[in-house]
């Protein structure tokens, strides 16, 4: 069953979150969709659906963290520390 959750009310694009419930499964799959329309024709020109991983936690994320633990850590960097940076 497809269950929409939250909606944005944009004029030329909209975004909404949703979840999918499969039979009697204890967990749902959540996601987000973005729709954009052409302002003149009012036809849909772009659609993007982004579901979360059905495997909890995502197996590739766990493998990456096991192999390189610093990958999932976000922190600031000093200005000028990257080539071409300011």
PDB file of N, CA and C in Angstrom:
ATOM      1  N   UNK A   1       0.842  -1.171   0.000  1.00  0.00           N
ATOM      2  CA  UNK A   1       0.000   0.000   0.000  1.00  0.00           C
ATOM      3  C   UNK A   1       0.888   1.234   0.000  1.00  0.00           C
ATOM      4  N   UNK A   2       0.595   2.175  -0.886  1.00  0.00           N
ATOM      5  CA  UNK A   2       1.330   3.429  -0.988  1.00  0.00           C
ATOM      6  C   UNK A   2       0.657   4.467  -0.103  1.00  0.00           C
ATOM      7  N   UNK A   3       1.412   5.059   0.830  1.00  0.00           N
ATOM      8  CA  UNK A   3       0.857   6.061   1.747  1.00  0.00           C
ATOM      9  C   UNK A   3       1.633   7.367   1.640  1.00  0.00           C
ATOM     10  N   UNK A   4       1.065   8.385   0.998  1.00  0.00           N
ATOM     11  CA  UNK A   4       1.730   9.695   1.006  1.00  0.00           C
ATOM     12  C   UNK A   4       1.727  10.260   2.417  1.00  0.00           C
ATOM     13  N   UNK A   5       2.769  11.036   2.765  1.00  0.00           N
ATOM     14  CA  UNK A   5       2.867  11.557   4.129  1.00  0.00           C
ATOM     15  C   UNK A   5       2.867  13.087   4.165  1.00  0.00           C
ATOM     16  N   UNK A   6       3.911  13.719   3.685  1.00  0.00           N
ATOM     17  CA  UNK A   6       4.009  15.177   3.750  1.00  0.00           C
ATOM     18  C   UNK A   6       4.151  15.741   2.339  1.00  0.00           C
ATOM     19  N   UNK A   7       3.503  16.878   2.079  1.00  0.00           N
ATOM     20  CA  UNK A   7       3.518  17.502   0.758  1.00  0.00           C
ATOM     21  C   UNK A   7       4.051  18.918   0.816  1.00  0.00           C
ATOM     22  N   UNK A   8       4.746  19.321  -0.247  1.00  0.00           N
ATOM     23  CA  UNK A   8       5.137  20.701  -0.466  1.00  0.00           C
ATOM     24  C   UNK A   8       4.168  21.250  -1.510  1.00  0.00           C
ATOM     25  N   UNK A   9       3.851  22.533  -1.463  1.00  0.00           N
ATOM     26  CA  UNK A   9       2.869  23.077  -2.405  1.00  0.00           C
ATOM     27  C   UNK A   9       3.498  24.085  -3.372  1.00  0.00           C
ATOM     28  N   UNK A  10       4.580  23.690  -4.013  1.00  0.00           N
ATOM     29  CA  UNK A  10       5.262  24.572  -4.954  1.00  0.00           C
ATOM     30  C   UNK A  10       4.429  24.858  -6.196  1.00  0.00           C
ATOM     31  N   UNK A  11       4.791  25.931  -6.906  1.00  0.00           N
ATOM     32  CA  UNK A  11       4.043  26.319  -8.106  1.00  0.00           C
ATOM     33  C   UNK A  11       4.521  25.583  -9.348  1.00  0.00           C
ATOM     34  N   UNK A  12       5.839  25.420  -9.483  1.00  0.00           N
ATOM     35  CA  UNK A  12       6.367  24.740 -10.663  1.00  0.00           C
ATOM     36  C   UNK A  12       7.073  23.434 -10.324  1.00  0.00           C
ATOM     37  N   UNK A  13       7.152  23.130  -9.057  1.00  0.00           N
ATOM     38  CA  UNK A  13       7.697  21.840  -8.630  1.00  0.00           C
ATOM     39  C   UNK A  13       7.096  21.518  -7.269  1.00  0.00           C
ATOM     40  N   UNK A  14       7.079  20.249  -6.972  1.00  0.00           N
ATOM     41  CA  UNK A  14       6.566  19.823  -5.676  1.00  0.00           C
ATOM     42  C   UNK A  14       7.350  18.607  -5.205  1.00  0.00           C
ATOM     43  N   UNK A  15       7.359  18.425  -3.929  1.00  0.00           N
ATOM     44  CA  UNK A  15       8.078  17.321  -3.317  1.00  0.00           C
ATOM     45  C   UNK A  15       7.162  16.707  -2.272  1.00  0.00           C
ATOM     46  N   UNK A  16       7.207  15.406  -2.139  1.00  0.00           N
ATOM     47  CA  UNK A  16       6.443  14.776  -1.080  1.00  0.00           C
ATOM     48  C   UNK A  16       7.161  13.535  -0.575  1.00  0.00           C
ATOM     49  N   UNK A  17       6.901  13.200   0.678  1.00  0.00           N
ATOM     50  CA  UNK A  17       7.448  11.991   1.268  1.00  0.00           C
ATOM     51  C   UNK A  17       6.353  10.936   1.312  1.00  0.00           C
ATOM     52  N   UNK A  18       6.766   9.688   1.327  1.00  0.00           N
ATOM     53  CA  UNK A  18       5.807   8.590   1.277  1.00  0.00           C
ATOM     54  C   UNK A  18       6.399   7.367   1.961  1.00  0.00           C
ATOM     55  N   UNK A  19       5.539   6.377   2.176  1.00  0.00           N
ATOM     56  CA  UNK A  19       5.982   5.067   2.651  1.00  0.00           C
ATOM     57  C   UNK A  19       5.178   3.997   1.937  1.00  0.00           C
ATOM     58  N   UNK A  20       5.796   2.842   1.792  1.00  0.00           N
ATOM     59  CA  UNK A  20       5.141   1.693   1.170  1.00  0.00           C
ATOM     60  C   UNK A  20       5.065   0.590   2.218  1.00  0.00           C
ATOM     61  N   UNK A  21       3.850   0.074   2.420  1.00  0.00           N
ATOM     62  CA  UNK A  21       3.628  -1.025   3.349  1.00  0.00           C
ATOM     63  C   UNK A  21       3.357  -2.270   2.512  1.00  0.00           C
ATOM     64  N   UNK A  22       4.116  -3.318   2.752  1.00  0.00           N
ATOM     65  CA  UNK A  22       3.961  -4.553   1.982  1.00  0.00           C
ATOM     66  C   UNK A  22       3.317  -5.610   2.868  1.00  0.00           C
ATOM     67  N   UNK A  23       2.091  -5.975   2.501  1.00  0.00           N
ATOM     68  CA  UNK A  23       1.320  -7.007   3.218  1.00  0.00           C
ATOM     69  C   UNK A  23       1.394  -6.799   4.727  1.00  0.00           C
ATOM     70  N   UNK A  24       1.826  -7.805   5.447  1.00  0.00           N
ATOM     71  CA  UNK A  24       1.903  -7.728   6.908  1.00  0.00           C
ATOM     72  C   UNK A  24       3.335  -7.518   7.390  1.00  0.00           C
ATOM     73  N   UNK A  25       4.190  -6.987   6.534  1.00  0.00           N
ATOM     74  CA  UNK A  25       5.584  -6.757   6.928  1.00  0.00           C
ATOM     75  C   UNK A  25       5.644  -5.770   8.083  1.00  0.00           C
ATOM     76  N   UNK A  26       6.511  -6.020   9.067  1.00  0.00           N
ATOM     77  CA  UNK A  26       6.574  -5.143  10.242  1.00  0.00           C
ATOM     78  C   UNK A  26       7.177  -3.768   9.943  1.00  0.00           C
ATOM     79  N   UNK A  27       7.991  -3.663   8.895  1.00  0.00           N
ATOM     80  CA  UNK A  27       8.623  -2.386   8.567  1.00  0.00           C
ATOM     81  C   UNK A  27       8.136  -1.874   7.224  1.00  0.00           C
ATOM     82  N   UNK A  28       8.251  -0.572   7.024  1.00  0.00           N
ATOM     83  CA  UNK A  28       7.864   0.031   5.756  1.00  0.00           C
ATOM     84  C   UNK A  28       9.110   0.516   5.030  1.00  0.00           C
ATOM     85  N   UNK A  29       8.956   0.841   3.756  1.00  0.00           N
ATOM     86  CA  UNK A  29      10.017   1.471   2.979  1.00  0.00           C
ATOM     87  C   UNK A  29       9.579   2.907   2.741  1.00  0.00           C
ATOM     88  N   UNK A  30      10.411   3.849   3.145  1.00  0.00           N
ATOM     89  CA  UNK A  30      10.072   5.261   2.998  1.00  0.00           C
ATOM     90  C   UNK A  30      10.850   5.864   1.839  1.00  0.00           C
ATOM     91  N   UNK A  31      10.354   7.002   1.370  1.00  0.00           N
ATOM     92  CA  UNK A  31      11.037   7.659   0.277  1.00  0.00           C
ATOM     93  C   UNK A  31      10.546   9.069   0.062  1.00  0.00           C
ATOM     94  N   UNK A  32      11.078   9.694  -0.974  1.00  0.00           N
ATOM     95  CA  UNK A  32      10.759  11.064  -1.319  1.00  0.00           C
ATOM     96  C   UNK A  32      10.653  11.159  -2.835  1.00  0.00           C
ATOM     97  N   UNK A  33       9.704  11.962  -3.322  1.00  0.00           N
ATOM     98  CA  UNK A  33       9.542  12.170  -4.765  1.00  0.00           C
ATOM     99  C   UNK A  33       9.534  13.662  -5.068  1.00  0.00           C
ATOM    100  N   UNK A  34      10.123  14.017  -6.204  1.00  0.00           N
ATOM    101  CA  UNK A  34      10.145  15.393  -6.676  1.00  0.00           C
ATOM    102  C   UNK A  34       9.565  15.420  -8.084  1.00  0.00           C
ATOM    103  N   UNK A  35       8.603  16.303  -8.301  1.00  0.00           N
ATOM    104  CA  UNK A  35       7.997  16.482  -9.619  1.00  0.00           C
ATOM    105  C   UNK A  35       8.162  17.940 -10.031  1.00  0.00           C
ATOM    106  N   UNK A  36       8.566  18.164 -11.292  1.00  0.00           N
ATOM    107  CA  UNK A  36       8.722  19.521 -11.801  1.00  0.00           C
ATOM    108  C   UNK A  36       7.928  19.641 -13.089  1.00  0.00           C
ATOM    109  N   UNK A  37       7.270  20.787 -13.290  1.00  0.00           N
ATOM    110  CA  UNK A  37       6.481  20.985 -14.504  1.00  0.00           C
ATOM    111  C   UNK A  37       7.036  22.140 -15.324  1.00  0.00           C
ATOM    112  N   UNK A  38       6.751  22.112 -16.620  1.00  0.00           N
ATOM    113  CA  UNK A  38       7.092  23.221 -17.508  1.00  0.00           C
ATOM    114  C   UNK A  38       6.093  24.346 -17.238  1.00  0.00           C
ATOM    115  N   UNK A  39       6.567  25.577 -16.978  1.00  0.00           N
ATOM    116  CA  UNK A  39       5.640  26.654 -16.627  1.00  0.00           C
ATOM    117  C   UNK A  39       4.692  27.050 -17.761  1.00  0.00           C
ATOM    118  N   UNK A  40       5.070  26.779 -19.017  1.00  0.00           N
ATOM    119  CA  UNK A  40       4.210  27.153 -20.139  1.00  0.00           C
ATOM    120  C   UNK A  40       3.208  26.067 -20.494  1.00  0.00           C
ATOM    121  N   UNK A  41       3.701  24.835 -20.681  1.00  0.00           N
ATOM    122  CA  UNK A  41       2.811  23.743 -21.103  1.00  0.00           C
ATOM    123  C   UNK A  41       2.075  23.103 -19.921  1.00  0.00           C
ATOM    124  N   UNK A  42       2.616  23.297 -18.717  1.00  0.00           N
ATOM    125  CA  UNK A  42       2.079  22.693 -17.492  1.00  0.00           C
ATOM    126  C   UNK A  42       2.180  21.157 -17.501  1.00  0.00           C
ATOM    127  N   UNK A  43       3.068  20.625 -18.328  1.00  0.00           N
ATOM    128  CA  UNK A  43       3.313  19.181 -18.374  1.00  0.00           C
ATOM    129  C   UNK A  43       4.500  18.842 -17.472  1.00  0.00           C
ATOM    130  N   UNK A  44       4.495  17.650 -16.926  1.00  0.00           N
ATOM    131  CA  UNK A  44       5.592  17.199 -16.074  1.00  0.00           C
ATOM    132  C   UNK A  44       6.846  17.035 -16.919  1.00  0.00           C
ATOM    133  N   UNK A  45       7.946  17.654 -16.482  1.00  0.00           N
ATOM    134  CA  UNK A  45       9.206  17.588 -17.226  1.00  0.00           C
ATOM    135  C   UNK A  45      10.292  16.817 -16.484  1.00  0.00           C
ATOM    136  N   UNK A  46      10.114  16.612 -15.188  1.00  0.00           N
ATOM    137  CA  UNK A  46      11.153  15.949 -14.409  1.00  0.00           C
ATOM    138  C   UNK A  46      10.521  15.223 -13.229  1.00  0.00           C
ATOM    139  N   UNK A  47      10.958  13.990 -13.005  1.00  0.00           N
ATOM    140  CA  UNK A  47      10.490  13.203 -11.864  1.00  0.00           C
ATOM    141  C   UNK A  47      11.703  12.522 -11.243  1.00  0.00           C
ATOM    142  N   UNK A  48      11.798  12.586  -9.924  1.00  0.00           N
ATOM    143  CA  UNK A  48      12.859  11.876  -9.219  1.00  0.00           C
ATOM    144  C   UNK A  48      12.238  11.205  -8.006  1.00  0.00           C
ATOM    145  N   UNK A  49      12.370   9.885  -7.908  1.00  0.00           N
ATOM    146  CA  UNK A  49      11.918   9.121  -6.749  1.00  0.00           C
ATOM    147  C   UNK A  49      13.147   8.590  -6.026  1.00  0.00           C
ATOM    148  N   UNK A  50      13.215   8.800  -4.732  1.00  0.00           N
ATOM    149  CA  UNK A  50      14.370   8.367  -3.946  1.00  0.00           C
ATOM    150  C   UNK A  50      13.884   7.513  -2.780  1.00  0.00           C
ATOM    151  N   UNK A  51      13.923   6.174  -2.944  1.00  0.00           N
ATOM    152  CA  UNK A  51      13.524   5.311  -1.818  1.00  0.00           C
ATOM    153  C   UNK A  51      14.702   5.075  -0.885  1.00  0.00           C
ATOM    154  N   UNK A  52      14.387   4.790   0.376  1.00  0.00           N
ATOM    155  CA  UNK A  52      15.450   4.397   1.291  1.00  0.00           C
ATOM    156  C   UNK A  52      15.822   2.955   0.980  1.00  0.00           C
ATOM    157  N   UNK A  53      16.914   2.506   1.522  1.00  0.00           N
ATOM    158  CA  UNK A  53      17.346   1.136   1.310  1.00  0.00           C
ATOM    159  C   UNK A  53      16.360   0.167   1.967  1.00  0.00           C
ATOM    160  N   UNK A  54      16.051  -0.918   1.274  1.00  0.00           N
ATOM    161  CA  UNK A  54      15.162  -1.931   1.835  1.00  0.00           C
ATOM    162  C   UNK A  54      15.891  -2.797   2.865  1.00  0.00           C
ATOM    163  N   UNK A  55      17.224  -2.788   2.804  1.00  0.00           N
ATOM    164  CA  UNK A  55      18.032  -3.551   3.764  1.00  0.00           C
ATOM    165  C   UNK A  55      18.433  -2.583   4.875  1.00  0.00           C
ATOM    166  N   UNK A  56      18.119  -2.925   6.100  1.00  0.00           N
ATOM    167  CA  UNK A  56      18.400  -2.049   7.233  1.00  0.00           C
ATOM    168  C   UNK A  56      19.428  -2.699   8.152  1.00  0.00           C
ATOM    169  N   UNK A  57      20.555  -2.113   8.422  1.00  0.00           N
ATOM    170  CA  UNK A  57      21.136  -0.968   7.737  1.00  0.00           C
ATOM    171  C   UNK A  57      21.659  -1.387   6.365  1.00  0.00           C
ATOM    172  N   UNK A  58      21.809  -0.430   5.444  1.00  0.00           N
ATOM    173  CA  UNK A  58      22.305  -0.771   4.104  1.00  0.00           C
ATOM    174  C   UNK A  58      23.658  -1.487   4.196  1.00  0.00           C
ATOM    175  N   UNK A  59      23.762  -2.621   3.542  1.00  0.00           N
ATOM    176  CA  UNK A  59      24.949  -3.471   3.667  1.00  0.00           C
ATOM    177  C   UNK A  59      26.209  -2.797   3.132  1.00  0.00           C
ATOM    178  N   UNK A  60      26.100  -2.028   2.038  1.00  0.00           N
ATOM    179  CA  UNK A  60      27.297  -1.387   1.494  1.00  0.00           C
ATOM    180  C   UNK A  60      27.818  -0.306   2.427  1.00  0.00           C
ATOM    181  N   UNK A  61      26.919   0.389   3.112  1.00  0.00           N
ATOM    182  CA  UNK A  61      27.346   1.389   4.081  1.00  0.00           C
ATOM    183  C   UNK A  61      28.129   0.759   5.219  1.00  0.00           C
ATOM    184  N   UNK A  62      27.670  -0.392   5.690  1.00  0.00           N
ATOM    185  CA  UNK A  62      28.365  -1.087   6.774  1.00  0.00           C
ATOM    186  C   UNK A  62      29.738  -1.563   6.304  1.00  0.00           C
ATOM    187  N   UNK A  63      29.807  -2.115   5.095  1.00  0.00           N
ATOM    188  CA  UNK A  63      31.100  -2.563   4.572  1.00  0.00           C
ATOM    189  C   UNK A  63      32.066  -1.392   4.434  1.00  0.00           C
ATOM    190  N   UNK A  64      31.572  -0.256   3.934  1.00  0.00           N
ATOM    191  CA  UNK A  64      32.426   0.926   3.768  1.00  0.00           C
ATOM    192  C   UNK A  64      32.923   1.426   5.122  1.00  0.00           C
ATOM    193  N   UNK A  65      32.046   1.462   6.127  1.00  0.00           N
ATOM    194  CA  UNK A  65      32.465   1.924   7.455  1.00  0.00           C
ATOM    195  C   UNK A  65      33.465   0.959   8.096  1.00  0.00           C
ATOM    196  N   UNK A  66      33.284  -0.350   7.859  1.00  0.00           N
ATOM    197  CA  UNK A  66      34.228  -1.325   8.402  1.00  0.00           C
ATOM    198  C   UNK A  66      35.599  -1.173   7.742  1.00  0.00           C
ATOM    199  N   UNK A  67      35.596  -0.915   6.439  1.00  0.00           N
ATOM    200  CA  UNK A  67      36.837  -0.816   5.679  1.00  0.00           C
ATOM    201  C   UNK A  67      37.544   0.514   5.922  1.00  0.00           C
ATOM    202  N   UNK A  68      36.764   1.624   5.919  1.00  0.00           N
ATOM    203  CA  UNK A  68      37.314   2.964   6.148  1.00  0.00           C
ATOM    204  C   UNK A  68      36.410   3.709   7.122  1.00  0.00           C
ATOM    205  N   UNK A  69      36.602   3.561   8.412  1.00  0.00           N
ATOM    206  CA  UNK A  69      35.703   4.132   9.423  1.00  0.00           C
ATOM    207  C   UNK A  69      35.483   5.637   9.307  1.00  0.00           C
ATOM    208  N   UNK A  70      36.424   6.384   8.774  1.00  0.00           N
ATOM    209  CA  UNK A  70      36.274   7.834   8.677  1.00  0.00           C
ATOM    210  C   UNK A  70      35.336   8.302   7.579  1.00  0.00           C
ATOM    211  N   UNK A  71      34.885   7.397   6.704  1.00  0.00           N
ATOM    212  CA  UNK A  71      34.029   7.801   5.584  1.00  0.00           C
ATOM    213  C   UNK A  71      32.721   8.429   6.038  1.00  0.00           C
ATOM    214  N   UNK A  72      32.141   7.942   7.093  1.00  0.00           N
ATOM    215  CA  UNK A  72      30.846   8.443   7.529  1.00  0.00           C
ATOM    216  C   UNK A  72      30.926   9.613   8.501  1.00  0.00           C
ATOM    217  N   UNK A  73      32.119  10.180   8.670  1.00  0.00           N
ATOM    218  CA  UNK A  73      32.302  11.277   9.621  1.00  0.00           C
ATOM    219  C   UNK A  73      32.408  12.588   8.847  1.00  0.00           C
ATOM    220  N   UNK A  74      31.531  13.529   9.162  1.00  0.00           N
ATOM    221  CA  UNK A  74      31.559  14.826   8.512  1.00  0.00           C
ATOM    222  C   UNK A  74      32.119  15.858   9.477  1.00  0.00           C
ATOM    223  N   UNK A  75      33.073  16.627   9.009  1.00  0.00           N
ATOM    224  CA  UNK A  75      33.639  17.690   9.828  1.00  0.00           C
ATOM    225  C   UNK A  75      34.175  18.781   8.913  1.00  0.00           C
ATOM    226  N   UNK A  76      34.318  19.952   9.460  1.00  0.00           N
ATOM    227  CA  UNK A  76      34.810  21.081   8.695  1.00  0.00           C
ATOM    228  C   UNK A  76      36.276  20.913   8.310  1.00  0.00           C
ATOM    229  N   UNK A  77      36.678  21.627   7.270  1.00  0.00           N
ATOM    230  CA  UNK A  77      38.085  21.628   6.869  1.00  0.00           C
ATOM    231  C   UNK A  77      38.583  23.064   6.890  1.00  0.00           C
ATOM    232  N   UNK A  78      39.876  23.216   7.023  1.00  0.00           N
ATOM    233  CA  UNK A  78      40.464  24.549   7.060  1.00  0.00           C
ATOM    234  C   UNK A  78      40.392  25.192   5.674  1.00  0.00           C
ATOM    235  N   UNK A  79      40.140  26.489   5.656  1.00  0.00           N
ATOM    236  CA  UNK A  79      40.119  27.215   4.387  1.00  0.00           C
ATOM    237  C   UNK A  79      41.489  27.136   3.758  1.00  0.00           C
ATOM    238  N   UNK A  80      41.530  26.787   2.467  1.00  0.00           N
ATOM    239  CA  UNK A  80      42.783  26.664   1.744  1.00  0.00           C
ATOM    240  C   UNK A  80      43.420  25.299   1.847  1.00  0.00           C
ATOM    241  N   UNK A  81      42.800  24.354   2.543  1.00  0.00           N
ATOM    242  CA  UNK A  81      43.400  23.039   2.707  1.00  0.00           C
ATOM    243  C   UNK A  81      43.214  22.119   1.508  1.00  0.00           C
ATOM    244  N   UNK A  82      42.361  22.520   0.563  1.00  0.00           N
ATOM    245  CA  UNK A  82      42.129  21.722  -0.648  1.00  0.00           C
ATOM    246  C   UNK A  82      42.690  22.463  -1.859  1.00  0.00           C
ATOM    247  N   UNK A  83      43.214  21.717  -2.851  1.00  0.00           N
ATOM    248  CA  UNK A  83      43.735  22.380  -4.044  1.00  0.00           C
ATOM    249  C   UNK A  83      42.662  23.254  -4.702  1.00  0.00           C
ATOM    250  N   UNK A  84      42.990  24.506  -4.993  1.00  0.00           N
ATOM    251  CA  UNK A  84      42.046  25.406  -5.619  1.00  0.00           C
ATOM    252  C   UNK A  84      41.054  26.029  -4.637  1.00  0.00           C
ATOM    253  N   UNK A  85      41.105  25.622  -3.378  1.00  0.00           N
ATOM    254  CA  UNK A  85      40.179  26.164  -2.382  1.00  0.00           C
ATOM    255  C   UNK A  85      40.602  27.550  -1.927  1.00  0.00           C
ATOM    256  N   UNK A  86      39.674  28.270  -1.360  1.00  0.00           N
ATOM    257  CA  UNK A  86      39.976  29.633  -0.903  1.00  0.00           C
ATOM    258  C   UNK A  86      39.836  29.729   0.603  1.00  0.00           C
TER     259      UNK A  86
END
